[in-house]
Protein backbone atom coordinates (compact mmCIF):
# COMPACT_ATOMS: atom_id res chain seq x y z
CA MET A 1 -1.43 -19.70 -10.17
CA ASN A 2 -5.15 -20.80 -11.21
CA GLY A 3 -6.78 -17.49 -10.93
CA LYS A 4 -7.74 -17.89 -6.98
CA THR A 5 -7.60 -14.84 -5.01
CA VAL A 6 -4.54 -14.18 -3.04
CA VAL A 7 -4.72 -13.28 0.54
CA LEU A 8 -2.03 -10.49 1.50
CA ASP A 9 -1.19 -9.19 4.80
CA ASP A 10 -0.28 -5.66 5.63
CA ILE A 11 3.38 -6.14 4.71
CA ASP A 12 2.66 -7.37 1.30
CA THR A 13 0.15 -4.50 0.69
CA THR A 14 2.56 -1.77 1.65
CA LEU A 15 5.35 -3.54 -0.47
CA LEU A 16 2.92 -3.70 -3.47
CA THR A 17 1.80 0.00 -3.05
CA THR A 18 5.29 1.22 -2.58
CA LEU A 19 6.47 -0.57 -5.84
CA GLN A 20 3.36 0.81 -7.76
CA SER A 21 4.29 4.32 -6.75
CA ASP A 22 7.95 3.91 -7.18
CA GLY A 23 8.97 0.79 -9.25
CA ARG A 24 12.83 1.68 -8.82
CA ALA A 25 12.58 1.42 -5.00
CA THR A 26 15.43 -0.70 -3.76
CA VAL A 27 14.95 -3.63 -1.43
CA ALA A 28 16.96 -1.85 1.04
CA GLN A 29 14.40 1.04 0.85
CA LEU A 30 11.48 -1.35 1.00
CA SER A 31 13.05 -3.21 4.04
CA ARG A 32 13.35 0.01 5.99
CA GLN A 33 9.87 0.79 5.15
CA VAL A 34 8.31 -2.38 6.46
CA HIS A 35 11.09 -2.94 9.28
CA MET A 36 12.23 -6.31 8.04
CA SER A 37 15.65 -7.67 6.69
CA SER A 38 16.49 -7.34 3.02
CA SER A 39 16.50 -11.11 2.54
CA ALA A 40 12.91 -11.23 4.03
CA VAL A 41 11.82 -8.58 1.72
CA THR A 42 13.46 -10.31 -1.23
CA GLU A 43 11.84 -13.51 -0.47
CA ARG A 44 8.30 -11.86 -0.15
CA LEU A 45 8.94 -10.21 -3.53
CA ARG A 46 9.88 -13.45 -5.01
CA ARG A 47 6.82 -15.31 -3.61
CA LEU A 48 4.59 -12.35 -5.03
CA GLU A 49 6.17 -12.84 -8.61
CA GLU A 50 5.92 -16.53 -8.41
CA ILE A 51 2.13 -16.57 -7.57
CA GLY A 52 1.66 -13.86 -10.13
CA VAL A 53 0.62 -10.88 -7.89
CA ILE A 54 3.62 -8.96 -9.38
CA SER A 55 3.42 -9.59 -13.21
CA GLY A 56 6.20 -7.46 -14.18
CA TYR A 57 7.97 -4.15 -13.68
CA ARG A 58 8.05 -1.08 -16.09
CA ALA A 59 8.68 2.52 -16.63
CA GLU A 60 5.61 5.03 -16.99
CA ILE A 61 6.14 7.06 -19.87
CA ASP A 62 4.47 10.42 -20.46
CA ALA A 63 3.11 10.20 -24.00
CA THR A 64 2.89 14.13 -24.36
CA LYS A 65 6.79 14.05 -24.02
CA LEU A 66 6.94 11.92 -27.11
CA GLY A 67 4.66 14.00 -29.36
CA TYR A 68 1.50 12.01 -28.59
CA ASP A 69 -0.85 15.02 -27.46
CA ILE A 70 -4.20 13.17 -27.87
CA LEU A 71 -5.47 10.53 -25.71
CA ALA A 72 -8.73 8.88 -27.13
CA PHE A 73 -10.89 5.79 -26.29
CA MET A 74 -12.40 3.90 -29.30
CA ARG A 75 -15.18 1.57 -28.86
CA LEU A 76 -15.46 -0.93 -31.56
CA ARG A 77 -18.45 -3.13 -32.70
CA TYR A 78 -16.70 -5.97 -34.35
CA PRO A 79 -19.05 -7.81 -36.64
CA SER A 80 -17.34 -11.24 -36.63
CA SER A 81 -16.06 -13.94 -34.18
CA ASN A 82 -13.00 -14.25 -36.40
CA TYR A 83 -10.65 -12.03 -34.40
CA ALA A 84 -7.59 -12.61 -36.37
CA PRO A 85 -7.79 -9.40 -38.38
CA LEU A 86 -8.56 -7.32 -35.44
CA HIS A 87 -5.38 -9.02 -33.72
CA ARG A 88 -3.25 -8.36 -36.70
CA TRP A 89 -4.27 -4.63 -36.60
CA LEU A 90 -3.74 -4.34 -32.90
CA ASP A 91 -0.28 -5.89 -33.24
CA SER A 92 0.58 -3.48 -36.04
CA THR A 93 -0.67 -0.28 -34.35
CA PRO A 94 1.76 0.80 -31.71
CA GLU A 95 -0.58 3.66 -30.84
CA VAL A 96 -2.98 1.16 -29.14
CA LEU A 97 -1.85 1.13 -25.47
CA GLU A 98 -4.64 -1.12 -24.26
CA ALA A 99 -7.42 -3.31 -25.79
CA HIS A 100 -10.11 -4.81 -23.76
CA HIS A 101 -12.82 -7.16 -24.79
CA VAL A 102 -15.96 -6.18 -23.32
CA THR A 103 -19.62 -6.88 -22.73
CA GLY A 104 -22.29 -4.70 -24.04
CA GLU A 105 -23.30 -3.34 -27.40
CA ASP A 106 -19.51 -2.63 -28.23
CA CYS A 107 -17.07 -5.51 -28.31
CA PHE A 108 -13.66 -3.89 -27.69
CA ILE A 109 -12.44 -0.69 -25.87
CA LEU A 110 -9.26 0.68 -27.17
CA LYS A 111 -7.06 3.21 -25.46
CA ILE A 112 -5.16 5.04 -28.10
CA VAL A 113 -2.47 7.95 -28.32
CA ALA A 114 -2.12 10.16 -31.37
CA ARG A 115 0.13 12.91 -32.32
CA SER A 116 -2.69 15.18 -33.74
CA MET A 117 -6.29 15.10 -34.93
CA ARG A 118 -5.12 14.08 -38.44
CA HIS A 119 -3.14 11.06 -37.09
CA LEU A 120 -6.30 10.10 -34.85
CA GLU A 121 -8.39 10.19 -37.87
CA GLN A 122 -5.98 7.98 -39.86
CA ILE A 123 -6.19 5.35 -37.00
CA ASN A 124 -9.71 5.76 -36.69
CA GLY A 125 -10.08 5.08 -40.57
CA ARG A 126 -8.03 1.96 -40.33
CA ILE A 127 -9.81 0.41 -37.57
CA GLY A 128 -13.17 1.48 -39.05
CA ALA A 129 -12.49 -0.91 -41.87
CA LEU A 130 -12.91 -3.65 -39.24
CA GLY A 131 -16.36 -2.50 -37.64
CA THR A 132 -18.22 0.34 -36.33
CA VAL A 133 -16.08 2.72 -34.18
CA THR A 134 -17.14 5.49 -31.78
CA THR A 135 -14.12 7.78 -30.58
CA ASN A 136 -13.92 9.63 -27.52
CA ILE A 137 -11.14 12.10 -26.81
CA ALA A 138 -10.03 12.59 -23.23
CA TYR A 139 -9.98 16.27 -22.08
CA SER A 140 -7.94 15.38 -19.02
CA SER A 141 -7.21 12.34 -16.72
CA PRO A 142 -7.90 13.12 -13.16
CA ILE A 143 -6.69 9.70 -12.20
CA PRO A 144 -4.37 8.52 -14.94
CA THR A 145 -3.49 5.23 -12.92
CA ARG A 146 -4.20 4.15 -9.59
CA PRO A 147 -2.33 1.59 -7.64
CA VAL A 148 -4.24 -1.92 -7.38
CA THR A 149 -4.82 -2.55 -3.70
CA ALA A 150 -5.97 -5.57 -1.98
CA PRO A 151 -9.60 -5.51 -1.18
CA PRO A 152 -10.38 -5.39 2.46
CA THR A 153 -10.93 -8.60 4.25
CA ARG A 154 -14.48 -9.50 5.11
CA GLN A 155 -15.43 -9.27 8.83
CA ARG A 156 -17.74 -12.09 10.13
């Protein structure tokens, strides 16, 4: 797919919404929900995968159950256009859950999990060697993840 917006019908939207809330939903369950045969639903899912709308399937993990009690966001001002050192650091730091190259004064926003304040301080110190870091700790996440839905079609 070349980045063009894909137009979805109501059935595609229902399938995507259901899979985002329950990635283990079976084709039989999806078929009953949209009142279609299993083979028709399988074909729709295959098409959505082929065009890149569905880019993968994964389990959502509660990081606190694994001992990561702190969720933080780090904003990094990176002083160079040579991103190789940053990419090496990102690749070697599993506590970085997301990394986004952004506009504005900061160059990157990172979503980080840490076991403790000391652990967060260590992560912060290591990334701080690459640039200026501002760290924000999340108190709570009222919307931790939200399903992606298709934008409404324009009425003309």
